[in-house]
Amino acid sequence: MRLTLHGRRQRPLTELTWDGETLTATDAASGESVRMTGPSSIYHYDYDESHPVDRRVTGLAVLDADGLVLADLPGEWNPQHVRGLGVPVLDGGRDRAARARTMLAGRAPGWRRLRGVPRGALHRWRVPLVYGGALITLAATAYLVSVGGYVAWRVAATVFRAVVDHFEVKWLGMALSPALLAFRPVREGLLRLRTRTGKIAGPLSVRGEWLRLGHDIPDVALERLNSLLIYQHEDLRGLFLLDHGDRPLRHIPGPWRPEALRRFTERHGLRLAVHRISRQEYLDLVRACPQALP
């Protein structure tokens, strides 16, 4: 059975094909595809997050028999159409964000994410356009202010922001911030320095008695935290934050630099472990973790 679904807003150009045993997802925008044999269900997630901006996060997650995500298919999907495939659909529309995130962070080996959204012809020119726009904006700002046109500039900037927000090309809005030209290199230099000295490690930082992740995930009290576990399970990599009973508090999948985390943990009096774990160990950690950053 073949079913082609189109989102209502970003229009994910993704085709789902089910032959009774294998579900195939094909990203028509990039040409990528993934075949999943014997998926147990499809999780329809729909939750809100506020970092770095307020937005709804929606999509489908194809699950294996253990509830791990075989493929993540972001976009606005119609659950009734998805049910037409014949694969059980789990409605996550009423789930809290924490529940949805932990589900999505529990990736299966071979996990893939297919967005189904074309990058567009201007994607590779994004950085030159942003910096060129910032230069032009800086010159225009100086001129308008010098001739008393500050109010006119503010009106133009407001209109431009509304336009780029409407067309979902928010990266162009960076061109309205001439400070980008000076602050971004400085900020990147400071981040590298803080990483080398162990003050931060990726999104991890310490403020007072709390470990912060810089996202919507709640901070962790340092008194509860015992160690950080960098794991590898087949082709999966990630990080678990563990309490004194080796119970997981937070899960952040993805590659991590052991040397950066080693400096971070030594500076803040934490332990660091690097292990290759079995499937059962991975399942136990994923299922017990109350918060995650997918």
Protein backbone atom coordinates (compact mmCIF):
# COMPACT_ATOMS: atom_id res chain seq x y z
CA MET A 1 0.00 0.00 0.00
CA ARG A 2 1.38 3.43 -0.92
CA LEU A 3 0.51 6.71 0.72
CA THR A 4 2.00 10.13 0.02
CA LEU A 5 1.55 12.72 2.76
CA HIS A 6 1.98 16.47 2.46
CA GLY A 7 2.26 18.72 5.51
CA ARG A 8 -0.04 21.65 5.96
CA ARG A 9 2.67 24.24 6.50
CA GLN A 10 6.22 23.22 5.66
CA ARG A 11 4.96 20.52 3.29
CA PRO A 12 7.36 17.66 4.03
CA LEU A 13 7.91 15.97 0.67
CA THR A 14 8.00 12.49 2.19
CA GLU A 15 6.50 9.34 0.75
CA LEU A 16 5.61 6.43 3.02
CA THR A 17 5.18 2.97 1.51
CA TRP A 18 3.99 -0.06 3.48
CA ASP A 19 3.97 -3.56 1.95
CA GLY A 20 2.81 -5.42 5.05
CA GLU A 21 6.33 -6.04 6.41
CA THR A 22 8.52 -3.12 5.42
CA LEU A 23 7.82 0.59 5.81
CA THR A 24 9.86 2.74 3.44
CA ALA A 25 10.21 6.49 3.96
CA THR A 26 11.56 8.48 1.02
CA ASP A 27 12.56 12.13 1.23
CA ALA A 28 11.72 13.50 -2.22
CA ALA A 29 13.52 16.75 -1.41
CA SER A 30 16.94 15.12 -0.87
CA GLY A 31 16.47 11.71 -2.48
CA GLU A 32 17.28 9.91 0.79
CA SER A 33 15.26 6.90 1.88
CA VAL A 34 15.17 4.45 4.77
CA ARG A 35 13.62 0.96 4.91
CA MET A 36 12.25 -0.30 8.22
CA THR A 37 11.30 -3.96 8.59
CA GLY A 38 8.55 -4.83 11.05
CA PRO A 39 7.93 -1.47 12.74
CA SER A 40 5.64 -1.92 15.71
CA SER A 41 3.97 1.52 15.66
CA ILE A 42 4.18 5.16 14.62
CA TYR A 43 4.31 7.84 17.32
CA HIS A 44 2.66 11.14 16.32
CA TYR A 45 4.29 13.85 18.45
CA ASP A 46 3.12 17.43 18.85
CA TYR A 47 4.53 19.63 21.61
CA ASP A 48 5.76 23.16 22.30
CA GLU A 49 9.27 24.31 23.06
CA SER A 50 10.63 27.77 23.77
CA HIS A 51 14.37 27.46 23.07
CA PRO A 52 15.83 29.09 21.08
CA VAL A 53 12.45 30.48 19.95
CA ASP A 54 8.83 29.60 20.71
CA ARG A 55 7.66 26.96 18.24
CA ARG A 56 5.60 23.82 17.84
CA VAL A 57 7.46 20.59 17.21
CA THR A 58 5.43 18.05 15.25
CA GLY A 59 6.14 14.91 13.29
CA LEU A 60 6.13 11.14 13.17
CA ALA A 61 8.51 8.70 14.86
CA VAL A 62 8.56 5.13 13.53
CA LEU A 63 9.15 2.75 16.47
CA ASP A 64 10.58 -0.75 16.68
CA ALA A 65 9.33 -3.49 18.99
CA ASP A 66 11.26 -2.03 21.95
CA GLY A 67 9.87 1.47 21.41
CA LEU A 68 13.12 2.86 19.94
CA VAL A 69 12.93 5.35 17.08
CA LEU A 70 13.87 3.90 13.70
CA ALA A 71 13.15 7.13 11.80
CA ASP A 72 12.11 10.64 12.77
CA LEU A 73 9.94 12.42 10.17
CA PRO A 74 9.36 16.03 11.28
CA GLY A 75 6.46 17.98 9.81
CA GLU A 76 2.72 18.48 10.18
CA TRP A 77 0.99 15.20 9.41
CA ASN A 78 -2.65 14.20 9.41
CA PRO A 79 -2.99 11.27 11.87
CA GLN A 80 -6.08 9.96 10.08
CA HIS A 81 -4.13 9.66 6.83
CA VAL A 82 -1.24 7.96 8.63
CA ARG A 83 -3.59 5.36 10.10
CA GLY A 84 -4.49 4.43 6.54
CA LEU A 85 -1.12 2.70 6.27
CA GLY A 86 -2.29 -0.03 8.63
CA VAL A 87 0.50 0.52 11.19
CA PRO A 88 -0.74 1.35 14.73
CA VAL A 89 -0.51 5.08 15.44
CA LEU A 90 0.21 6.36 18.98
CA ASP A 91 -1.30 9.78 19.58
CA GLY A 92 1.22 11.95 21.44
CA GLY A 93 -0.72 15.19 21.01
CA ARG A 94 -1.57 15.26 24.72
CA ASP A 95 1.84 14.15 25.94
CA ARG A 96 3.96 16.59 27.90
CA ALA A 97 7.08 17.88 26.17
CA ALA A 98 9.28 15.81 28.51
CA ARG A 99 7.53 12.60 27.46
CA ALA A 100 7.84 13.40 23.74
CA ARG A 101 11.51 14.34 24.05
CA THR A 102 12.46 11.16 25.89
CA MET A 103 10.65 9.12 23.25
CA LEU A 104 12.48 10.87 20.42
CA ALA A 105 15.86 10.61 22.16
CA GLY A 106 15.54 6.82 22.39
CA ARG A 107 17.03 6.15 18.98
CA ALA A 108 17.45 2.71 17.45
CA PRO A 109 20.69 1.66 15.74
CA GLY A 110 20.63 2.98 12.19
CA TRP A 111 18.34 5.85 13.24
CA ARG A 112 17.62 8.43 10.54
CA ARG A 113 15.87 11.80 10.35
CA LEU A 114 14.22 12.76 7.06
CA ARG A 115 12.94 16.33 6.98
CA GLY A 116 11.43 16.30 3.50
CA VAL A 117 12.01 20.03 3.11
CA PRO A 118 14.21 21.32 0.26
CA ARG A 119 17.05 23.55 1.37
CA GLY A 120 16.50 25.95 -1.47
CA ALA A 121 18.89 27.45 -3.98
CA LEU A 122 20.04 30.19 -1.60
CA HIS A 123 21.13 27.84 1.20
CA ARG A 124 24.83 27.79 0.31
CA TRP A 125 24.79 31.59 0.04
CA ARG A 126 23.26 32.03 3.49
CA VAL A 127 26.40 33.13 5.35
CA PRO A 128 27.63 35.57 2.66
CA LEU A 129 24.13 37.05 2.39
CA VAL A 130 23.80 37.45 6.16
CA TYR A 131 27.17 39.17 6.54
CA GLY A 132 26.61 41.25 3.40
CA GLY A 133 23.21 42.26 4.72
CA ALA A 134 24.75 43.17 8.06
CA LEU A 135 27.32 45.41 6.34
CA ILE A 136 24.64 47.14 4.27
CA THR A 137 22.43 47.51 7.35
CA LEU A 138 25.30 49.01 9.31
CA ALA A 139 25.94 51.59 6.58
CA ALA A 140 22.23 52.37 6.21
CA THR A 141 21.82 52.73 9.97
CA ALA A 142 24.72 55.17 10.22
CA TYR A 143 23.35 57.23 7.33
CA LEU A 144 19.76 57.37 8.60
CA VAL A 145 20.86 58.28 12.12
CA SER A 146 23.17 61.01 10.77
CA VAL A 147 20.29 62.63 8.87
CA GLY A 148 17.79 62.19 11.70
CA GLY A 149 16.08 59.19 10.13
CA TYR A 150 16.17 56.91 13.15
CA VAL A 151 12.38 56.55 13.28
CA ALA A 152 12.28 55.64 9.59
CA TRP A 153 14.93 52.98 10.18
CA ARG A 154 12.99 51.43 13.04
CA VAL A 155 9.84 51.26 10.90
CA ALA A 156 11.75 49.60 8.04
CA ALA A 157 13.38 47.12 10.41
CA THR A 158 10.00 46.16 11.91
CA VAL A 159 8.48 45.57 8.48
CA PHE A 160 11.47 43.48 7.37
CA ARG A 161 11.28 41.30 10.48
CA ALA A 162 7.59 40.65 9.84
CA VAL A 163 8.34 39.62 6.25
CA VAL A 164 11.14 37.19 7.06
CA ASP A 165 9.11 35.66 9.88
CA HIS A 166 6.17 35.11 7.54
CA PHE A 167 8.32 33.30 4.99
CA GLU A 168 10.25 31.30 7.63
CA VAL A 169 13.67 32.54 6.54
CA LYS A 170 14.54 33.85 9.98
CA TRP A 171 18.25 33.65 9.32
CA LEU A 172 17.83 36.72 7.12
CA GLY A 173 16.71 38.60 10.20
CA MET A 174 20.30 38.41 11.39
CA ALA A 175 21.10 41.02 8.75
CA LEU A 176 19.15 43.51 10.88
CA SER A 177 21.81 43.17 13.58
CA PRO A 178 25.03 44.88 12.48
CA ALA A 179 26.52 43.88 15.83
CA LEU A 180 26.75 40.38 14.33
CA LEU A 181 29.91 41.45 12.53
CA ALA A 182 31.74 42.17 15.78
CA PHE A 183 30.01 40.02 18.39
CA ARG A 184 29.90 36.66 16.61
CA PRO A 185 33.70 36.21 16.26
CA VAL A 186 34.16 37.46 19.82
CA ARG A 187 31.49 35.09 21.10
CA GLU A 188 33.02 32.12 19.29
CA GLY A 189 36.45 32.94 20.72
CA LEU A 190 35.04 33.14 24.24
CA LEU A 191 33.25 29.80 23.81
CA ARG A 192 36.49 28.13 22.69
CA LEU A 193 38.33 29.59 25.68
CA ARG A 194 35.65 28.47 28.14
CA THR A 195 35.70 24.98 26.61
CA ARG A 196 39.51 24.71 26.88
CA THR A 197 39.39 25.72 30.54
CA GLY A 198 36.56 23.31 31.37
CA LYS A 199 33.97 25.95 32.22
CA ILE A 200 31.56 24.56 29.63
CA ALA A 201 31.20 21.45 27.46
CA GLY A 202 28.83 21.91 24.55
CA PRO A 203 25.50 23.00 26.06
CA LEU A 204 26.61 22.02 29.58
CA SER A 205 27.54 24.72 32.08
CA VAL A 206 27.42 25.24 35.85
CA ARG A 207 25.71 28.14 37.57
CA GLY A 208 25.89 28.11 41.33
CA GLU A 209 24.76 24.70 42.53
CA TRP A 210 23.06 23.75 39.28
CA LEU A 211 24.13 22.04 36.08
CA ARG A 212 22.49 23.80 33.14
CA LEU A 213 21.91 22.43 29.66
CA GLY A 214 20.96 25.69 27.95
CA HIS A 215 17.68 24.32 26.57
CA ASP A 216 14.15 23.64 27.76
CA ILE A 217 15.35 20.77 29.95
CA PRO A 218 15.25 21.58 33.69
CA ASP A 219 18.58 22.16 35.43
CA VAL A 220 20.06 19.42 37.62
CA ALA A 221 21.18 20.08 41.20
CA LEU A 222 24.88 19.23 41.49
CA GLU A 223 24.22 17.46 44.80
CA ARG A 224 22.04 14.94 42.93
CA LEU A 225 24.57 14.40 40.15
CA ASN A 226 27.26 11.74 40.45
CA SER A 227 28.69 11.13 37.01
CA LEU A 228 28.45 11.67 33.27
CA LEU A 229 28.37 8.62 31.00
CA ILE A 230 29.48 8.89 27.38
CA TYR A 231 28.02 5.79 25.74
CA GLN A 232 28.30 3.93 22.48
CA HIS A 233 25.76 1.33 21.44
CA GLU A 234 26.42 0.03 17.92
CA ASP A 235 26.36 3.20 15.81
CA LEU A 236 24.64 5.27 18.50
CA ARG A 237 26.50 7.75 20.70
CA GLY A 238 25.35 10.10 23.41
CA LEU A 239 25.51 11.23 27.02
CA PHE A 240 23.62 10.25 30.17
CA LEU A 241 23.74 12.29 33.38
CA LEU A 242 23.56 9.85 36.31
CA ASP A 243 22.67 10.32 39.98
CA HIS A 244 24.38 8.64 42.95
CA GLY A 245 22.40 5.46 42.35
CA ASP A 246 23.49 5.39 38.69
CA ARG A 247 19.95 6.25 37.67
CA PRO A 248 19.69 8.47 34.57
CA LEU A 249 18.58 12.07 35.05
CA ARG A 250 19.10 13.46 31.55
CA HIS A 251 19.79 11.98 28.11
CA ILE A 252 21.45 13.88 25.27
CA PRO A 253 22.09 11.71 22.18
CA GLY A 254 24.74 12.64 19.66
CA PRO A 255 28.54 12.82 19.44
CA TRP A 256 30.47 14.24 22.41
CA ARG A 257 34.15 15.14 22.77
CA PRO A 258 35.56 13.11 25.68
CA GLU A 259 38.47 15.53 26.21
CA ALA A 260 36.10 18.51 26.60
CA LEU A 261 33.87 16.61 29.03
CA ARG A 262 36.92 15.39 30.97
CA ARG A 263 38.08 18.95 31.53
CA PHE A 264 34.53 19.97 32.47
CA THR A 265 34.02 17.17 35.00
CA GLU A 266 37.45 17.67 36.60
CA ARG A 267 36.79 21.38 37.03
CA HIS A 268 33.39 20.81 38.67
CA GLY A 269 34.19 17.75 40.77
CA LEU A 270 32.20 15.21 38.77
CA ARG A 271 33.04 11.76 37.47
CA LEU A 272 33.22 10.80 33.80
CA ALA A 273 32.82 7.33 32.35
CA VAL A 274 33.15 6.24 28.71
CA HIS A 275 31.58 2.86 27.93
CA ARG A 276 30.32 0.70 25.11
CA ILE A 277 26.97 -0.60 26.39
CA SER A 278 24.71 -3.49 25.44
CA ARG A 279 21.22 -3.13 24.00
CA GLN A 280 19.61 -4.06 27.31
CA GLU A 281 21.73 -1.52 29.21
CA TYR A 282 20.80 1.10 26.64
CA LEU A 283 17.09 0.24 26.88
CA ASP A 284 17.16 0.37 30.68
CA LEU A 285 18.76 3.82 30.67
CA VAL A 286 16.47 5.23 27.97
CA ARG A 287 13.30 3.95 29.63
CA ALA A 288 14.27 5.22 33.09
CA CYS A 289 15.32 8.70 31.99
CA PRO A 290 12.75 11.42 32.83
CA GLN A 291 14.17 14.17 30.59
CA ALA A 292 16.02 14.23 27.27
CA LEU A 293 17.19 16.51 24.50
CA PRO A 294 16.52 14.72 21.19
